[in-house]
Each structure stands twice: as structure tokens, then as C-alpha cells.
C-alpha atoms as a PDB file:
ATOM      1  CA  MET A   1       0.000   0.000   0.000  1.00  0.00           C
ATOM      2  CA  PRO A   2       1.330   3.445  -0.836  1.00  0.00           C
ATOM      3  CA  ILE A   3       1.943   6.204   1.668  1.00  0.00           C
ATOM      4  CA  HIS A   4       0.052   9.390   0.864  1.00  0.00           C
ATOM      5  CA  GLU A   5       1.255  12.747   2.156  1.00  0.00           C
ATOM      6  CA  TYR A   6      -0.925  15.638   3.191  1.00  0.00           C
ATOM      7  CA  ARG A   7      -0.268  19.161   4.486  1.00  0.00           C
ATOM      8  CA  CYS A   8      -2.642  21.019   6.750  1.00  0.00           C
ATOM      9  CA  LYS A   9      -3.705  24.406   5.368  1.00  0.00           C
ATOM     10  CA  LYS A  10      -4.327  25.716   8.868  1.00  0.00           C
ATOM     11  CA  CYS A  11      -1.331  24.623  10.973  1.00  0.00           C
ATOM     12  CA  GLY A  12       1.097  23.503   8.223  1.00  0.00           C
ATOM     13  CA  ALA A  13       1.631  20.039   9.715  1.00  0.00           C
ATOM     14  CA  ASN A  14       2.676  17.244   7.358  1.00  0.00           C
ATOM     15  CA  VAL A  15       0.637  14.059   7.684  1.00  0.00           C
ATOM     16  CA  GLU A  16       1.409  10.664   6.171  1.00  0.00           C
ATOM     17  CA  ALA A  17      -1.269   8.021   5.746  1.00  0.00           C
ATOM     18  CA  LEU A  18      -0.946   4.433   4.553  1.00  0.00           C
ATOM     19  CA  GLN A  19      -3.883   4.144   2.155  1.00  0.00           C
ATOM     20  CA  LYS A  20      -5.036   2.096  -0.794  1.00  0.00           C
ATOM     21  CA  ALA A  21      -5.473   3.915  -4.106  1.00  0.00           C
ATOM     22  CA  LYS A  22      -9.249   3.327  -3.818  1.00  0.00           C
ATOM     23  CA  ASP A  23      -9.501   4.961  -0.363  1.00  0.00           C
ATOM     24  CA  LYS A  24     -10.945   8.454  -0.048  1.00  0.00           C
ATOM     25  CA  PRO A  25      -8.337  11.128   0.694  1.00  0.00           C
ATOM     26  CA  LEU A  26      -8.137  12.476   4.233  1.00  0.00           C
ATOM     27  CA  GLU A  27     -10.006  15.733   4.753  1.00  0.00           C
ATOM     28  CA  LYS A  28      -9.229  16.853   8.334  1.00  0.00           C
ATOM     29  CA  CYS A  29      -5.901  17.347  10.078  1.00  0.00           C
ATOM     30  CA  PRO A  30      -5.529  14.958  13.037  1.00  0.00           C
ATOM     31  CA  LYS A  31      -3.747  17.692  15.041  1.00  0.00           C
ATOM     32  CA  CYS A  32      -5.954  20.759  14.577  1.00  0.00           C
ATOM     33  CA  GLY A  33      -8.929  19.622  12.474  1.00  0.00           C
ATOM     34  CA  GLY A  34      -8.059  21.982   9.598  1.00  0.00           C
ATOM     35  CA  PRO A  35      -8.427  21.112   5.911  1.00  0.00           C
ATOM     36  CA  LEU A  36      -5.722  18.962   4.302  1.00  0.00           C
ATOM     37  CA  LEU A  37      -4.055  19.390   0.932  1.00  0.00           C
ATOM     38  CA  LYS A  38      -2.840  16.192  -0.748  1.00  0.00           C
ATOM     39  CA  LEU A  39       0.835  16.435  -1.746  1.00  0.00           C
ATOM     40  CA  ILE A  40       2.428  14.786  -4.744  1.00  0.00           C
ATOM     41  CA  SER A  41       5.737  13.102  -3.970  1.00  0.00           C
ATOM     42  CA  SER A  42       8.026  10.578  -5.599  1.00  0.00           C
ATOM     43  CA  PRO A  43       7.261   7.009  -4.578  1.00  0.00           C
ATOM     44  CA  ALA A  44       9.722   4.780  -2.768  1.00  0.00           C
ATOM     45  CA  ILE A  45      10.270   1.795  -5.039  1.00  0.00           C
ATOM     46  CA  GLN A  46      12.166  -1.317  -4.074  1.00  0.00           C
ATOM     47  CA  PHE A  47      13.036  -3.720  -6.879  1.00  0.00           C
ATOM     48  CA  LYS A  48      13.419  -7.323  -5.806  1.00  0.00           C
ATOM     49  CA  GLY A  49      14.860 -10.287  -7.626  1.00  0.00           C
ATOM     50  CA  THR A  50      17.743 -10.625 -10.036  1.00  0.00           C
ATOM     51  CA  GLY A  51      18.552  -8.263 -12.870  1.00  0.00           C
ATOM     52  CA  TRP A  52      18.366  -4.981 -10.949  1.00  0.00           C
ATOM     53  CA  TYR A  53      21.986  -4.638  -9.904  1.00  0.00           C
ATOM     54  CA  ILE A  54      25.042  -3.788 -11.977  1.00  0.00           C
ATOM     55  CA  THR A  55      26.654  -7.064 -10.972  1.00  0.00           C
ATOM     56  CA  ASP A  56      23.757  -8.994 -12.534  1.00  0.00           C
ATOM     57  CA  TYR A  57      24.490  -7.597 -16.014  1.00  0.00           C
ATOM     58  CA  GLY A  58      28.166  -8.548 -16.200  1.00  0.00           C
ATOM     59  CA  LYS A  59      29.564 -11.698 -17.726  1.00  0.00           C
ATOM     60  CA  LYS A  60      29.112 -14.610 -15.380  1.00  0.00           C
ATOM     61  CA  ASN A  61      32.647 -15.947 -15.981  1.00  0.00           C
ATOM     62  CA  SER A  62      34.526 -12.656 -15.638  1.00  0.00           C
ATOM     63  CA  PRO A  63      36.391 -12.089 -12.344  1.00  0.00           C
ATOM     64  CA  SER A  64      35.240  -9.410  -9.952  1.00  0.00           C
ATOM     65  CA  PRO A  65      37.127  -6.068  -9.759  1.00  0.00           C
ATOM     66  CA  GLU A  66      38.651  -7.179  -6.445  1.00  0.00           C
ATOM     67  CA  ALA A  67      40.005 -10.361  -8.032  1.00  0.00           C
ATOM     68  CA  LYS A  68      41.425  -8.368 -10.948  1.00  0.00           C
ATOM     69  CA  ALA A  69      43.230  -5.988  -8.574  1.00  0.00           C
ATOM     70  CA  ALA A  70      44.705  -8.900  -6.602  1.00  0.00           C
ATOM     71  CA  ALA A  71      45.937 -10.607  -9.793  1.00  0.00           C
ATOM     72  CA  LYS A  72      47.822  -7.545 -11.113  1.00  0.00           C
ATOM     73  CA  PRO A  73      51.621  -7.937 -10.861  1.00  0.00           C
ATOM     74  CA  GLU A  74      53.425  -5.306  -8.868  1.00  0.00           C
ATOM     75  CA  PRO A  75      55.631  -2.924 -10.871  1.00  0.00           C
ATOM     76  CA  ALA A  76      59.360  -3.772 -10.824  1.00  0.00           C
ATOM     77  CA  LYS A  77      61.251  -1.834  -8.182  1.00  0.00           C
ATOM     78  CA  GLU A  78      64.529  -0.153  -9.110  1.00  0.00           C
ATOM     79  CA  LYS A  79      67.600  -0.968  -7.052  1.00  0.00           C
ATOM     80  CA  LYS A  80      69.054   1.777  -4.923  1.00  0.00           C
ATOM     81  CA  GLY A  81      72.199   3.458  -6.219  1.00  0.00           C
ATOM     82  CA  GLY A  82      71.009   4.004  -9.767  1.00  0.00           C
ATOM     83  CA  PRO A  83      72.100   2.182 -12.906  1.00  0.00           C
ATOM     84  CA  LYS A  84      75.559   0.662 -13.030  1.00  0.00           C
ATOM     85  CA  PRO A  85      77.917   1.778 -15.813  1.00  0.00           C
ATOM     86  CA  SER A  86      78.344  -0.767 -18.560  1.00  0.00           C
ATOM     87  CA  PRO A  87      81.719  -2.568 -18.706  1.00  0.00           C
ATOM     88  CA  SER A  88      82.208  -1.588 -22.365  1.00  0.00           C
ATOM     89  CA  SER A  89      82.487   2.114 -21.600  1.00  0.00           C
ATOM     90  CA  SER A  90      86.034   3.368 -21.562  1.00  0.00           C
ATOM     91  CA  GLN A  91      87.495   5.897 -19.188  1.00  0.00           C
ATOM     92  CA  ASP A  92      89.932   8.428 -20.713  1.00  0.00           C
END
């Protein structure tokens, strides 16, 4: 059942009511008895089942991003002291 929102024209209170679509809208504020104005708001939708998540659309055999990151080889580290001079270089 959807939640319908109302605002009191007299006191400004917001009222939420769990109602069927067939039910008559509320007319009186439960706090002050003033007239209510029905508000239009975006519904809260919850999708259930498979196919609604990004992970459901990927290839079933492809590894997860975490597995890919763990499988990456570490870059080669350079030795301290810099490159060694080649033996073929001559000193004059």
C-alpha cells in the first residue's frame, strides 16, 4: 500500500497516511482539524529479484574487480644506487 502525504492548510503540519489507491483522501488534520491538501511526492520503489543490480548484467565468468586488482603484478622496483655503468664504456 502506498503512503500518501498531506499538508494542513491551517497549521502547516505534514501528515502521512498508509492508504489504498481506492480509499478516499483524508479531509481533516488529526492535530488541529483543519483542511488537508494532498501532496504529490516521488514514490519509494524497491526492486526485488535478479537483474536490478550492476553485478547482474556482467559476464558470469569474468572475475570481480577485487580479483582483478589482486591478480595484477606489482611494478618492478629499481635498485638503490642508480644504474651501473656498462663494462664496455672506456674511461679516458
